[in-house]
Each structure stands twice: as C-alpha cells, then as structure tokens.
Amino acid sequence: MSLESPVTETTSPAPDYSQLPASAFPEGADPSTYKDSLSAPETPAKPERPAHISEKFWDAEAGTIRVDDMAKSYAELEAKLRSPKSEDKPAGEADKPNDLTIEPAKPEAPAEANPITTAFESFSKHYEDTKGQPAEDQIAEIVKLGVPQNIVENYLAGLSAMSQLAFQQAHATAGGEDVFNAASDWASKSLTAAEIDSYNTLVTNPTTAKQGVEWLVAKYKAAHPSEGSFVESMPGAAVGDVFRSKSEMVAAMKTDRYQTDRAYVAEVAEKVARSQAAGTLL
C-alpha cells in the first residue's frame, strides 16, 4: 500500500510594486500607496433620499430616515386637528366679548319697494289727506305702470266705500249722525290739543276707531248731562236690509258686479254698516 505525502499549502509572497515603473500604475495613482488601496475595503455608497420622504426627516450623513422626528411631527399635527378652531365655534360663540352686554342684531337690508305698491300707497294717502279728492296725475302714473284703468277705478270705489263705511260705523257707535256731529263740533272747541291728538290717533286706526268714538261721545255726554235722553233716543243706523252672516257679506263682495260697479260697492258698504249696527256680523 502506497502512502501519499501531505500537501503543504504555500502563500505567494505579496508583489513588490515599488520596483514597477510609473507607467504600470493607473493614471493618477501613487505607487507608494497603490498597494494599500488595493487591500482597503470599498466604502459603500450612501443611499439616496426616497421621493416620499421630506428633507426635514432625512439624515443625509447617515443616509437614514429620522423616525423620531417624523413621529413627533405626526403627533403634533394630530393634536392640532383635534383642537377646536375659533372659526368652528357655533354661531354666537366666536369672538364673544368678555362681558354681559348684548350686541344688537344688525338690521336686514330693506327689500326694494314695488313701484306699483308705492304708487297705490301714495294714491291712498292723498285720497285720505284731501278728504276723497284723488289726483289725476297719480291715477295716470298707476295706469302707466301697467295697471288696467278699470282696476284703478274699482280701487277708487273701494276707498270711497271704506270712507263711507267708516262714517256710518262712527254714526252708529255715537247713536246717530246728529249726535256724532254735535260731539265733534263740541270737541273741536272744548278739548285740549293733546286730547284731540289722542282721539285722532284712535279713529285713524280701524281697530280702535270705535273706541275713539265711544270716548268722544262719553266726554260730550259728561259735558251735557241734560242732553243724555236726546243722545240715547237717536237711531243707531239707517233703515234698510242687512247681511245675516259674514259668509253672506263675503259672497256679495266676490260677485262680478262688485268688481265693476262702483255704485254697487257703495251699496255693499252701507249694508255692512247697517249689519254691524244690528249685530248680525258678530
């Protein structure tokens, strides 16, 4: 049996670069340090910042993400989003003064007036101020705005009827036209300016007109106690038919004749006055 002699590994001696000419080295290499550069480990390239990572969270020297800074910034943002903002406060709570005063609400801008409504209101005021004398120029202005002439005439008839109705109601409340006229004549000479103003305020409002006439007649009776029987004996209203109910009155006002016949409008107004005096419309 043959025996194999053991193999002895030998290490090759490191080459001696000092004896080589400069042309044997790479351009720009230093022959004295070239050997060491070959044995030195390669320095790995630093990783680049990912596109989705902000520069403030990137450590360029270490080539790593600043995780702690990113977590801190996220926590601050979350807390800020959870806290209520002044503009998110309910109406009335934002910028509220630190006292008990009350700020008045700002008035809303008035709506633009309708020219037709304005013209009719001016027409009605003139009619009242002139005791039933309409101005032809105002009628022409309303027609010019597009209101048919017959509508204007019916409106005028309605004003006339309302005026007549107001007088008839006043006469009925006073106990007759003669009593009302006597009380009015006495009041113009005997009442103070303040009392006359109070009376006028009452009778120019349809809801308080009856109260004003009653007050006037009471003052007149107090000043003329001997005429009490005369006052009470006066008729309450003109003789004629009456409406038996409010629905009957409304039906009369809805007829075509009421819309076109001024005389009929006046008749209805007189009938309303008689009905109120008789108590059939209560």
C-alpha atoms as a PDB file:
ATOM      1  CA  MET A   1       0.000   0.000   0.000  1.00  0.00           C
ATOM      2  CA  SER A   2       1.450   3.272  -1.037  1.00  0.00           C
ATOM      3  CA  LEU A   3       1.419   6.345   1.103  1.00  0.00           C
ATOM      4  CA  GLU A   4       0.708   9.860  -0.187  1.00  0.00           C
ATOM      5  CA  SER A   5       2.779  12.597   1.205  1.00  0.00           C
ATOM      6  CA  PRO A   6       0.809  15.518   2.660  1.00  0.00           C
ATOM      7  CA  VAL A   7       0.399  18.610   0.502  1.00  0.00           C
ATOM      8  CA  THR A   8       1.764  21.736   2.086  1.00  0.00           C
ATOM      9  CA  GLU A   9      -0.001  24.941   1.023  1.00  0.00           C
ATOM     10  CA  THR A  10       2.284  27.850   0.473  1.00  0.00           C
ATOM     11  CA  THR A  11       1.342  31.517   0.438  1.00  0.00           C
ATOM     12  CA  SER A  12       2.532  33.521  -2.504  1.00  0.00           C
ATOM     13  CA  PRO A  13       4.532  36.496  -1.428  1.00  0.00           C
ATOM     14  CA  ALA A  14       2.857  39.871  -1.968  1.00  0.00           C
ATOM     15  CA  PRO A  15       4.060  41.534  -5.114  1.00  0.00           C
ATOM     16  CA  ASP A  16       6.543  44.310  -4.751  1.00  0.00           C
ATOM     17  CA  TYR A  17       5.055  47.263  -6.611  1.00  0.00           C
ATOM     18  CA  SER A  18       7.936  49.543  -5.690  1.00  0.00           C
ATOM     19  CA  GLN A  19      10.085  48.127  -8.480  1.00  0.00           C
ATOM     20  CA  LEU A  20       7.478  48.766 -11.184  1.00  0.00           C
ATOM     21  CA  PRO A  21       7.705  51.783 -13.403  1.00  0.00           C
ATOM     22  CA  ALA A  22       5.087  54.570 -13.025  1.00  0.00           C
ATOM     23  CA  SER A  23       3.571  53.627 -16.381  1.00  0.00           C
ATOM     24  CA  ALA A  24       2.443  50.311 -14.869  1.00  0.00           C
ATOM     25  CA  PHE A  25       0.038  52.063 -12.480  1.00  0.00           C
ATOM     26  CA  PRO A  26      -3.327  53.568 -13.312  1.00  0.00           C
ATOM     27  CA  GLU A  27      -3.236  57.208 -14.295  1.00  0.00           C
ATOM     28  CA  GLY A  28      -3.040  59.451 -11.247  1.00  0.00           C
ATOM     29  CA  ALA A  29      -2.269  56.581  -8.831  1.00  0.00           C
ATOM     30  CA  ASP A  30       0.536  56.978  -6.271  1.00  0.00           C
ATOM     31  CA  PRO A  31       2.877  53.923  -6.497  1.00  0.00           C
ATOM     32  CA  SER A  32       3.716  54.200  -2.780  1.00  0.00           C
ATOM     33  CA  THR A  33       0.084  53.864  -1.667  1.00  0.00           C
ATOM     34  CA  TYR A  34      -1.350  51.822  -4.519  1.00  0.00           C
ATOM     35  CA  LYS A  35      -0.775  48.553  -2.670  1.00  0.00           C
ATOM     36  CA  ASP A  36      -2.685  49.755   0.408  1.00  0.00           C
ATOM     37  CA  SER A  37      -5.570  50.996  -1.719  1.00  0.00           C
ATOM     38  CA  LEU A  38      -5.992  47.542  -3.208  1.00  0.00           C
ATOM     39  CA  SER A  39      -6.283  45.881   0.194  1.00  0.00           C
ATOM     40  CA  ALA A  40      -8.583  48.589   1.743  1.00  0.00           C
ATOM     41  CA  PRO A  41     -12.329  47.687   1.847  1.00  0.00           C
ATOM     42  CA  GLU A  42     -14.601  49.594  -0.528  1.00  0.00           C
ATOM     43  CA  THR A  43     -16.684  52.374   1.038  1.00  0.00           C
ATOM     44  CA  PRO A  44     -20.362  51.668   0.274  1.00  0.00           C
ATOM     45  CA  ALA A  45     -22.328  54.464  -1.478  1.00  0.00           C
ATOM     46  CA  LYS A  46     -24.747  56.383   0.753  1.00  0.00           C
ATOM     47  CA  PRO A  47     -28.424  55.688  -0.043  1.00  0.00           C
ATOM     48  CA  GLU A  48     -30.421  58.477  -1.666  1.00  0.00           C
ATOM     49  CA  ARG A  49     -33.470  60.103  -0.032  1.00  0.00           C
ATOM     50  CA  PRO A  50     -36.753  58.484  -1.133  1.00  0.00           C
ATOM     51  CA  ALA A  51     -39.036  60.852  -3.026  1.00  0.00           C
ATOM     52  CA  HIS A  52     -41.884  60.496  -0.495  1.00  0.00           C
ATOM     53  CA  ILE A  53     -39.682  61.467   2.482  1.00  0.00           C
ATOM     54  CA  SER A  54     -39.405  65.193   3.271  1.00  0.00           C
ATOM     55  CA  GLU A  55     -35.881  66.602   3.582  1.00  0.00           C
ATOM     56  CA  LYS A  56     -36.504  67.567   7.211  1.00  0.00           C
ATOM     57  CA  PHE A  57     -36.960  63.881   8.055  1.00  0.00           C
ATOM     58  CA  TRP A  58     -33.840  62.663   6.127  1.00  0.00           C
ATOM     59  CA  ASP A  59     -30.355  62.315   7.642  1.00  0.00           C
ATOM     60  CA  ALA A  60     -28.084  62.896   4.655  1.00  0.00           C
ATOM     61  CA  GLU A  61     -24.894  61.979   6.563  1.00  0.00           C
ATOM     62  CA  ALA A  62     -26.202  58.637   7.766  1.00  0.00           C
ATOM     63  CA  GLY A  63     -28.459  58.060   4.780  1.00  0.00           C
ATOM     64  CA  THR A  64     -31.377  57.143   7.064  1.00  0.00           C
ATOM     65  CA  ILE A  65     -34.859  58.433   7.944  1.00  0.00           C
ATOM     66  CA  ARG A  66     -35.251  60.441  11.162  1.00  0.00           C
ATOM     67  CA  VAL A  67     -38.052  58.260  12.501  1.00  0.00           C
ATOM     68  CA  ASP A  68     -38.291  60.037  15.863  1.00  0.00           C
ATOM     69  CA  ASP A  69     -38.712  63.452  14.242  1.00  0.00           C
ATOM     70  CA  MET A  70     -41.366  62.086  11.890  1.00  0.00           C
ATOM     71  CA  ALA A  71     -43.347  60.534  14.753  1.00  0.00           C
ATOM     72  CA  LYS A  72     -43.178  63.753  16.780  1.00  0.00           C
ATOM     73  CA  SER A  73     -44.388  65.860  13.844  1.00  0.00           C
ATOM     74  CA  TYR A  74     -47.302  63.483  13.212  1.00  0.00           C
ATOM     75  CA  ALA A  75     -48.373  63.646  16.878  1.00  0.00           C
ATOM     76  CA  GLU A  76     -48.342  67.471  16.814  1.00  0.00           C
ATOM     77  CA  LEU A  77     -50.415  67.547  13.625  1.00  0.00           C
ATOM     78  CA  GLU A  78     -52.974  65.123  15.054  1.00  0.00           C
ATOM     79  CA  ALA A  79     -53.350  67.203  18.236  1.00  0.00           C
ATOM     80  CA  LYS A  80     -53.811  70.372  16.185  1.00  0.00           C
ATOM     81  CA  LEU A  81     -56.543  68.806  14.069  1.00  0.00           C
ATOM     82  CA  ARG A  82     -58.427  67.604  17.146  1.00  0.00           C
ATOM     83  CA  SER A  83     -58.428  71.009  18.892  1.00  0.00           C
ATOM     84  CA  PRO A  84     -61.447  73.279  18.027  1.00  0.00           C
ATOM     85  CA  LYS A  85     -60.725  76.358  15.956  1.00  0.00           C
ATOM     86  CA  SER A  86     -62.285  79.748  16.613  1.00  0.00           C
ATOM     87  CA  GLU A  87     -63.953  79.706  13.209  1.00  0.00           C
ATOM     88  CA  ASP A  88     -65.509  76.305  14.010  1.00  0.00           C
ATOM     89  CA  LYS A  89     -67.377  77.636  17.043  1.00  0.00           C
ATOM     90  CA  PRO A  90     -71.167  77.699  16.896  1.00  0.00           C
ATOM     91  CA  ALA A  91     -72.764  80.922  15.753  1.00  0.00           C
ATOM     92  CA  GLY A  92     -72.803  83.472  18.537  1.00  0.00           C
ATOM     93  CA  GLU A  93     -69.815  81.996  20.440  1.00  0.00           C
ATOM     94  CA  ALA A  94     -66.927  83.125  18.273  1.00  0.00           C
ATOM     95  CA  ASP A  95     -65.225  86.346  19.345  1.00  0.00           C
ATOM     96  CA  LYS A  96     -67.769  86.839  22.124  1.00  0.00           C
ATOM     97  CA  PRO A  97     -66.913  89.815  24.342  1.00  0.00           C
ATOM     98  CA  ASN A  98     -65.888  89.107  27.901  1.00  0.00           C
ATOM     99  CA  ASP A  99     -68.796  90.995  29.454  1.00  0.00           C
ATOM    100  CA  LEU A 100     -72.550  90.762  29.898  1.00  0.00           C
ATOM    101  CA  THR A 101     -73.524  93.307  27.270  1.00  0.00           C
ATOM    102  CA  ILE A 102     -75.782  92.359  24.377  1.00  0.00           C
ATOM    103  CA  GLU A 103     -74.884  93.400  20.885  1.00  0.00           C
ATOM    104  CA  PRO A 104     -77.977  94.354  18.864  1.00  0.00           C
ATOM    105  CA  ALA A 105     -78.536  92.326  15.725  1.00  0.00           C
ATOM    106  CA  LYS A 106     -77.705  94.077  12.513  1.00  0.00           C
ATOM    107  CA  PRO A 107     -80.912  95.069  10.726  1.00  0.00           C
ATOM    108  CA  GLU A 108     -81.594  93.357   7.451  1.00  0.00           C
ATOM    109  CA  ALA A 109     -81.451  95.459   4.357  1.00  0.00           C
ATOM    110  CA  PRO A 110     -84.968  96.546   3.437  1.00  0.00           C
ATOM    111  CA  ALA A 111     -86.407  94.885   0.381  1.00  0.00           C
ATOM    112  CA  GLU A 112     -86.706  97.040  -2.699  1.00  0.00           C
ATOM    113  CA  ALA A 113     -90.145  98.621  -2.829  1.00  0.00           C
ATOM    114  CA  ASN A 114     -92.530  97.539  -5.569  1.00  0.00           C
ATOM    115  CA  PRO A 115     -93.262 100.619  -7.728  1.00  0.00           C
ATOM    116  CA  ILE A 116     -96.930  99.660  -8.137  1.00  0.00           C
ATOM    117  CA  THR A 117     -97.373  99.209  -4.382  1.00  0.00           C
ATOM    118  CA  THR A 118     -95.657 102.541  -3.748  1.00  0.00           C
ATOM    119  CA  ALA A 119     -97.900 104.295  -6.275  1.00  0.00           C
ATOM    120  CA  PHE A 120    -101.080 102.873  -4.720  1.00  0.00           C
ATOM    121  CA  GLU A 121     -99.930 103.838  -1.211  1.00  0.00           C
ATOM    122  CA  SER A 122     -99.227 107.401  -2.347  1.00  0.00           C
ATOM    123  CA  PHE A 123    -102.624 107.491  -4.066  1.00  0.00           C
ATOM    124  CA  SER A 124    -104.394 106.262  -0.921  1.00  0.00           C
ATOM    125  CA  LYS A 125    -102.610 108.796   1.319  1.00  0.00           C
ATOM    126  CA  HIS A 126    -103.501 111.667  -0.998  1.00  0.00           C
ATOM    127  CA  TYR A 127    -107.123 110.495  -1.088  1.00  0.00           C
ATOM    128  CA  GLU A 128    -107.242 110.460   2.710  1.00  0.00           C
ATOM    129  CA  ASP A 129    -105.473 113.805   3.139  1.00  0.00           C
ATOM    130  CA  THR A 130    -107.778 115.545   0.649  1.00  0.00           C
ATOM    131  CA  LYS A 131    -110.980 114.001   2.045  1.00  0.00           C
ATOM    132  CA  GLY A 132    -111.695 111.925  -1.041  1.00  0.00           C
ATOM    133  CA  GLN A 133    -110.193 114.025  -3.838  1.00  0.00           C
ATOM    134  CA  PRO A 134    -107.996 111.743  -5.995  1.00  0.00           C
ATOM    135  CA  ALA A 135    -105.157 113.252  -8.023  1.00  0.00           C
ATOM    136  CA  GLU A 136    -105.491 112.609 -11.752  1.00  0.00           C
ATOM    137  CA  ASP A 137    -101.706 112.565 -12.214  1.00  0.00           C
ATOM    138  CA  GLN A 138    -101.391 109.767  -9.658  1.00  0.00           C
ATOM    139  CA  ILE A 139    -104.067 107.745 -11.442  1.00  0.00           C
ATOM    140  CA  ALA A 140    -102.185 108.219 -14.723  1.00  0.00           C
ATOM    141  CA  GLU A 141     -98.950 107.088 -13.060  1.00  0.00           C
ATOM    142  CA  ILE A 142    -100.544 103.852 -11.828  1.00  0.00           C
ATOM    143  CA  VAL A 143    -102.009 103.116 -15.268  1.00  0.00           C
ATOM    144  CA  LYS A 144     -98.599 103.811 -16.815  1.00  0.00           C
ATOM    145  CA  LEU A 145     -97.096 101.099 -14.584  1.00  0.00           C
ATOM    146  CA  GLY A 146     -99.365  98.554 -16.267  1.00  0.00           C
ATOM    147  CA  VAL A 147    -102.431  98.518 -14.013  1.00  0.00           C
ATOM    148  CA  PRO A 148    -105.668  98.470 -16.073  1.00  0.00           C
ATOM    149  CA  GLN A 149    -107.883 101.551 -15.796  1.00  0.00           C
ATOM    150  CA  ASN A 150    -110.880  99.560 -14.518  1.00  0.00           C
ATOM    151  CA  ILE A 151    -108.780  98.139 -11.665  1.00  0.00           C
ATOM    152  CA  VAL A 152    -107.805 101.668 -10.627  1.00  0.00           C
ATOM    153  CA  GLU A 153    -111.442 102.776 -10.767  1.00  0.00           C
ATOM    154  CA  ASN A 154    -112.520  99.822  -8.640  1.00  0.00           C
ATOM    155  CA  TYR A 155    -109.776 100.651  -6.157  1.00  0.00           C
ATOM    156  CA  LEU A 156    -111.027 104.233  -6.007  1.00  0.00           C
ATOM    157  CA  ALA A 157    -114.575 102.969  -5.480  1.00  0.00           C
ATOM    158  CA  GLY A 158    -113.312 100.763  -2.684  1.00  0.00           C
ATOM    159  CA  LEU A 159    -111.640 103.723  -0.982  1.00  0.00           C
ATOM    160  CA  SER A 160    -114.852 105.688  -1.256  1.00  0.00           C
ATOM    161  CA  ALA A 161    -116.862 102.800   0.154  1.00  0.00           C
ATOM    162  CA  MET A 162    -114.424 102.341   3.021  1.00  0.00           C
ATOM    163  CA  SER A 163    -114.649 106.045   3.820  1.00  0.00           C
ATOM    164  CA  GLN A 164    -118.442 105.913   3.832  1.00  0.00           C
ATOM    165  CA  LEU A 165    -118.370 102.772   5.911  1.00  0.00           C
ATOM    166  CA  ALA A 166    -116.094 104.422   8.484  1.00  0.00           C
ATOM    167  CA  PHE A 167    -118.533 107.325   8.868  1.00  0.00           C
ATOM    168  CA  GLN A 168    -121.534 105.027   9.084  1.00  0.00           C
ATOM    169  CA  GLN A 169    -119.854 102.963  11.769  1.00  0.00           C
ATOM    170  CA  ALA A 170    -118.943 106.118  13.685  1.00  0.00           C
ATOM    171  CA  HIS A 171    -122.528 107.393  13.457  1.00  0.00           C
ATOM    172  CA  ALA A 172    -123.871 104.034  14.636  1.00  0.00           C
ATOM    173  CA  THR A 173    -121.465 103.971  17.585  1.00  0.00           C
ATOM    174  CA  ALA A 174    -122.347 107.538  18.579  1.00  0.00           C
ATOM    175  CA  GLY A 175    -126.079 106.905  18.386  1.00  0.00           C
ATOM    176  CA  GLY A 176    -126.724 108.739  15.151  1.00  0.00           C
ATOM    177  CA  GLU A 177    -125.173 111.200  12.705  1.00  0.00           C
ATOM    178  CA  ASP A 178    -126.579 114.229  14.559  1.00  0.00           C
ATOM    179  CA  VAL A 179    -125.052 113.081  17.837  1.00  0.00           C
ATOM    180  CA  PHE A 180    -121.684 112.425  16.218  1.00  0.00           C
ATOM    181  CA  ASN A 181    -121.655 115.819  14.503  1.00  0.00           C
ATOM    182  CA  ALA A 182    -122.663 117.597  17.728  1.00  0.00           C
ATOM    183  CA  ALA A 183    -119.962 115.793  19.707  1.00  0.00           C
ATOM    184  CA  SER A 184    -117.329 116.534  17.041  1.00  0.00           C
ATOM    185  CA  ASP A 185    -118.255 120.237  16.934  1.00  0.00           C
ATOM    186  CA  TRP A 186    -118.124 120.473  20.732  1.00  0.00           C
ATOM    187  CA  ALA A 187    -114.775 118.636  20.873  1.00  0.00           C
ATOM    188  CA  SER A 188    -113.106 120.986  18.382  1.00  0.00           C
ATOM    189  CA  LYS A 189    -113.846 123.906  20.744  1.00  0.00           C
ATOM    190  CA  SER A 190    -113.569 122.276  24.159  1.00  0.00           C
ATOM    191  CA  LEU A 191    -110.891 119.547  24.114  1.00  0.00           C
ATOM    192  CA  THR A 192    -107.206 120.250  24.589  1.00  0.00           C
ATOM    193  CA  ALA A 193    -104.748 119.772  21.743  1.00  0.00           C
ATOM    194  CA  ALA A 194    -103.415 116.625  23.433  1.00  0.00           C
ATOM    195  CA  GLU A 195    -106.935 115.177  23.753  1.00  0.00           C
ATOM    196  CA  ILE A 196    -107.681 115.904  20.103  1.00  0.00           C
ATOM    197  CA  ASP A 197    -104.426 114.218  19.056  1.00  0.00           C
ATOM    198  CA  SER A 198    -105.318 111.151  21.129  1.00  0.00           C
ATOM    199  CA  TYR A 199    -108.786 110.993  19.557  1.00  0.00           C
ATOM    200  CA  ASN A 200    -107.412 111.362  16.026  1.00  0.00           C
ATOM    201  CA  THR A 201    -104.907 108.576  16.672  1.00  0.00           C
ATOM    202  CA  LEU A 202    -107.719 106.253  17.741  1.00  0.00           C
ATOM    203  CA  VAL A 203    -110.124 106.956  14.875  1.00  0.00           C
ATOM    204  CA  THR A 204    -107.497 106.725  12.124  1.00  0.00           C
ATOM    205  CA  ASN A 205    -106.843 103.109  13.105  1.00  0.00           C
ATOM    206  CA  PRO A 206    -109.724 100.806  12.057  1.00  0.00           C
ATOM    207  CA  THR A 207    -109.157  98.532  15.055  1.00  0.00           C
ATOM    208  CA  THR A 208    -109.527 101.385  17.573  1.00  0.00           C
ATOM    209  CA  ALA A 209    -111.914 103.718  15.709  1.00  0.00           C
ATOM    210  CA  LYS A 210    -114.969 102.529  17.641  1.00  0.00           C
ATOM    211  CA  GLN A 211    -113.125 103.053  20.935  1.00  0.00           C
ATOM    212  CA  GLY A 212    -112.279 106.610  19.883  1.00  0.00           C
ATOM    213  CA  VAL A 213    -115.892 107.486  19.025  1.00  0.00           C
ATOM    214  CA  GLU A 214    -117.139 105.987  22.298  1.00  0.00           C
ATOM    215  CA  TRP A 215    -114.588 108.086  24.204  1.00  0.00           C
ATOM    216  CA  LEU A 216    -115.658 111.237  22.334  1.00  0.00           C
ATOM    217  CA  VAL A 217    -119.374 110.680  22.983  1.00  0.00           C
ATOM    218  CA  ALA A 218    -118.700 109.917  26.663  1.00  0.00           C
ATOM    219  CA  LYS A 219    -116.829 113.222  27.009  1.00  0.00           C
ATOM    220  CA  TYR A 220    -119.670 115.015  25.230  1.00  0.00           C
ATOM    221  CA  LYS A 221    -122.348 113.441  27.455  1.00  0.00           C
ATOM    222  CA  ALA A 222    -120.391 114.347  30.581  1.00  0.00           C
ATOM    223  CA  ALA A 223    -120.289 117.976  29.439  1.00  0.00           C
ATOM    224  CA  HIS A 224    -124.014 117.967  28.520  1.00  0.00           C
ATOM    225  CA  PRO A 225    -125.828 115.798  31.093  1.00  0.00           C
ATOM    226  CA  SER A 226    -129.217 117.396  30.300  1.00  0.00           C
ATOM    227  CA  GLU A 227    -128.994 116.092  26.714  1.00  0.00           C
ATOM    228  CA  GLY A 228    -128.490 112.471  27.732  1.00  0.00           C
ATOM    229  CA  SER A 229    -132.045 111.438  26.826  1.00  0.00           C
ATOM    230  CA  PHE A 230    -131.686 113.101  23.420  1.00  0.00           C
ATOM    231  CA  VAL A 231    -128.470 111.245  22.705  1.00  0.00           C
ATOM    232  CA  GLU A 232    -129.911 107.898  23.662  1.00  0.00           C
ATOM    233  CA  SER A 233    -133.051 108.388  21.551  1.00  0.00           C
ATOM    234  CA  MET A 234    -131.200 108.843  18.263  1.00  0.00           C
ATOM    235  CA  PRO A 235    -131.426 105.945  15.770  1.00  0.00           C
ATOM    236  CA  GLY A 236    -128.466 103.597  15.621  1.00  0.00           C
ATOM    237  CA  ALA A 237    -128.325 103.196  11.843  1.00  0.00           C
ATOM    238  CA  ALA A 238    -130.146 103.918   8.631  1.00  0.00           C
ATOM    239  CA  VAL A 239    -133.151 101.785   7.796  1.00  0.00           C
ATOM    240  CA  GLY A 240    -132.506  99.003   5.264  1.00  0.00           C
ATOM    241  CA  ASP A 241    -131.675  95.358   4.816  1.00  0.00           C
ATOM    242  CA  VAL A 242    -128.660  93.755   6.483  1.00  0.00           C
ATOM    243  CA  PHE A 243    -126.291  90.848   5.917  1.00  0.00           C
ATOM    244  CA  ARG A 244    -127.374  87.920   8.051  1.00  0.00           C
ATOM    245  CA  SER A 245    -123.845  86.479   8.299  1.00  0.00           C
ATOM    246  CA  LYS A 246    -120.230  87.164   7.365  1.00  0.00           C
ATOM    247  CA  SER A 247    -120.352  84.499   4.657  1.00  0.00           C
ATOM    248  CA  GLU A 248    -123.259  86.352   3.033  1.00  0.00           C
ATOM    249  CA  MET A 249    -121.240  89.567   3.101  1.00  0.00           C
ATOM    250  CA  VAL A 250    -118.184  87.854   1.550  1.00  0.00           C
ATOM    251  CA  ALA A 251    -120.366  86.328  -1.171  1.00  0.00           C
ATOM    252  CA  ALA A 252    -121.607  89.790  -2.136  1.00  0.00           C
ATOM    253  CA  MET A 253    -118.045  91.080  -2.395  1.00  0.00           C
ATOM    254  CA  LYS A 254    -116.991  88.179  -4.644  1.00  0.00           C
ATOM    255  CA  THR A 255    -119.567  88.899  -7.334  1.00  0.00           C
ATOM    256  CA  ASP A 256    -118.560  90.288 -10.732  1.00  0.00           C
ATOM    257  CA  ARG A 257    -120.778  93.293 -10.111  1.00  0.00           C
ATOM    258  CA  TYR A 258    -118.744  94.232  -7.027  1.00  0.00           C
ATOM    259  CA  GLN A 259    -115.621  94.266  -9.231  1.00  0.00           C
ATOM    260  CA  THR A 260    -117.081  96.570 -11.888  1.00  0.00           C
ATOM    261  CA  ASP A 261    -119.991  98.593 -10.447  1.00  0.00           C
ATOM    262  CA  ARG A 262    -118.903 101.453  -8.171  1.00  0.00           C
ATOM    263  CA  ALA A 263    -122.457 102.174  -7.086  1.00  0.00           C
ATOM    264  CA  TYR A 264    -122.901  98.567  -6.019  1.00  0.00           C
ATOM    265  CA  VAL A 265    -119.680  98.762  -3.988  1.00  0.00           C
ATOM    266  CA  ALA A 266    -121.142 101.714  -2.084  1.00  0.00           C
ATOM    267  CA  GLU A 267    -124.389  99.804  -1.504  1.00  0.00           C
ATOM    268  CA  VAL A 268    -122.472  96.875  -0.041  1.00  0.00           C
ATOM    269  CA  ALA A 269    -120.510  99.211   2.236  1.00  0.00           C
ATOM    270  CA  GLU A 270    -123.749 100.757   3.529  1.00  0.00           C
ATOM    271  CA  LYS A 271    -125.241  97.323   4.080  1.00  0.00           C
ATOM    272  CA  VAL A 272    -122.145  96.276   6.038  1.00  0.00           C
ATOM    273  CA  ALA A 273    -122.549  99.321   8.290  1.00  0.00           C
ATOM    274  CA  ARG A 274    -126.213  98.509   8.938  1.00  0.00           C
ATOM    275  CA  SER A 275    -125.314  94.889   9.641  1.00  0.00           C
ATOM    276  CA  GLN A 276    -122.654  95.850  12.167  1.00  0.00           C
ATOM    277  CA  ALA A 277    -125.052  98.231  13.892  1.00  0.00           C
ATOM    278  CA  ALA A 278    -127.678  95.483  14.011  1.00  0.00           C
ATOM    279  CA  GLY A 279    -125.150  92.992  15.353  1.00  0.00           C
ATOM    280  CA  THR A 280    -125.663  90.405  12.605  1.00  0.00           C
ATOM    281  CA  LEU A 281    -121.938  90.221  11.744  1.00  0.00           C
ATOM    282  CA  LEU A 282    -120.685  89.489  15.260  1.00  0.00           C
END
